[in-house]
Protein backbone atom coordinates (compact mmCIF):
# COMPACT_ATOMS: atom_id res chain seq x y z
CA UNK A 1 0.00 0.00 0.00
CA UNK A 2 1.23 3.48 -0.77
CA UNK A 3 1.08 5.48 2.44
CA UNK A 4 1.95 9.05 3.17
CA UNK A 5 2.99 10.29 6.58
CA UNK A 6 0.06 12.65 7.04
CA UNK A 7 -3.02 10.83 5.80
CA UNK A 8 -2.09 7.18 5.40
CA UNK A 9 -3.26 5.49 2.22
CA UNK A 10 -4.54 8.17 -0.19
CA UNK A 11 -7.16 5.83 -1.68
CA UNK A 12 -8.68 5.19 1.73
CA UNK A 13 -8.57 8.91 2.54
CA UNK A 14 -10.32 9.84 -0.70
CA UNK A 15 -12.92 7.09 -0.46
CA UNK A 16 -13.83 7.34 3.20
CA UNK A 17 -13.12 10.94 4.15
CA UNK A 18 -13.78 12.87 0.98
CA UNK A 19 -16.56 10.80 -0.61
CA UNK A 20 -18.45 9.04 2.20
CA UNK A 21 -17.75 11.71 4.80
CA UNK A 22 -18.59 14.44 2.31
CA UNK A 23 -21.95 12.87 1.48
CA UNK A 24 -22.81 12.40 5.15
CA UNK A 25 -21.75 15.98 5.92
CA UNK A 26 -23.83 17.31 3.04
CA UNK A 27 -26.89 15.48 4.37
CA UNK A 28 -26.20 16.72 7.90
CA UNK A 29 -25.86 20.35 6.85
CA UNK A 30 -29.01 20.12 4.77
CA UNK A 31 -30.96 18.57 7.65
CA UNK A 32 -29.88 21.34 10.02
CA UNK A 33 -30.95 24.00 7.51
CA UNK A 34 -34.29 22.35 6.74
CA UNK A 35 -35.21 22.44 10.42
CA UNK A 36 -34.23 26.14 10.64
CA UNK A 37 -31.52 25.45 13.21
CA UNK A 38 -28.56 27.84 13.61
CA UNK A 39 -25.24 27.51 11.83
CA UNK A 40 -23.20 26.96 15.01
CA UNK A 41 -24.78 23.52 15.50
CA UNK A 42 -22.70 22.26 12.58
CA UNK A 43 -19.63 22.41 14.81
CA UNK A 44 -21.30 19.94 17.16
CA UNK A 45 -22.58 17.68 14.40
CA UNK A 46 -19.19 17.63 12.70
CA UNK A 47 -17.50 15.93 15.64
CA UNK A 48 -19.38 12.60 15.44
CA UNK A 49 -19.06 12.63 11.67
CA UNK A 50 -15.29 13.10 11.87
CA UNK A 51 -15.08 10.35 14.47
CA UNK A 52 -17.14 8.04 12.26
CA UNK A 53 -14.81 8.69 9.32
CA UNK A 54 -11.76 7.90 11.45
CA UNK A 55 -13.46 4.82 12.90
CA UNK A 56 -14.24 3.46 9.43
CA UNK A 57 -10.67 4.01 8.34
CA UNK A 58 -9.40 2.24 11.45
CA UNK A 59 -11.83 -0.68 11.46
CA UNK A 60 -11.88 -1.42 7.74
CA UNK A 61 -8.40 -0.47 6.59
CA UNK A 62 -6.18 -0.54 9.68
CA UNK A 63 -5.39 3.17 9.73
CA UNK A 64 -4.39 4.60 13.13
CA UNK A 65 -7.47 5.67 15.07
CA UNK A 66 -5.99 8.42 17.25
CA UNK A 67 -3.89 10.17 14.60
CA UNK A 68 -4.46 13.89 15.25
CA UNK A 69 -3.73 15.34 11.80
CA UNK A 70 -6.10 13.06 9.82
CA UNK A 71 -8.77 13.65 12.48
CA UNK A 72 -8.41 17.41 12.06
CA UNK A 73 -8.60 17.05 8.29
CA UNK A 74 -11.76 14.96 8.60
CA UNK A 75 -13.31 17.50 10.98
CA UNK A 76 -12.40 20.42 8.73
CA UNK A 77 -13.76 18.66 5.67
CA UNK A 78 -16.96 17.87 7.52
CA UNK A 79 -17.39 21.50 8.60
CA UNK A 80 -16.68 22.83 5.12
CA UNK A 81 -19.19 20.58 3.38
CA UNK A 82 -21.80 21.07 6.11
CA UNK A 83 -21.40 24.82 5.86
CA UNK A 84 -21.79 24.87 2.09
CA UNK A 85 -24.82 22.62 2.28
CA UNK A 86 -26.39 24.63 5.10
CA UNK A 87 -25.86 27.90 3.25
CA UNK A 88 -27.35 26.65 -0.01
CA UNK A 89 -30.35 25.04 1.67
CA UNK A 90 -30.96 27.92 4.07
CA UNK A 91 -30.75 30.42 1.23
CA UNK A 92 -33.33 28.48 -0.77
CA UNK A 93 -35.64 28.29 2.25
CA UNK A 94 -35.37 32.02 2.90
CA UNK A 95 -36.04 32.85 -0.76
CA UNK A 96 -39.09 30.59 -0.77
CA UNK A 97 -40.44 31.70 2.61
CA UNK A 98 -39.71 35.43 2.26
CA UNK A 99 -39.72 36.34 -1.44
CA UNK A 100 -39.99 40.07 -0.76
CA UNK A 101 -36.54 40.10 0.90
CA UNK A 102 -34.68 39.04 -2.23
């Protein structure tokens, strides 16, 4: 397996963190926006998602579970995708609910 020092196997990182974690984060951000909850909740919801990404990498592919840098990358990726999803969904809800504001 080709491993780098920072993220381990790049194929596992791309598959689990970027693809699966990105899809789960998108759904999480959209769900928060659809229920009209505030943006700061994404920071709380990102933690279990980042842990789940790290757990899948550890349990399925033998990556180190408590590696701090990949965990921070997973958390940052989760927050970024959740934020983009929340903003797009919240903007659509506001435009639909309050058309005179736009």
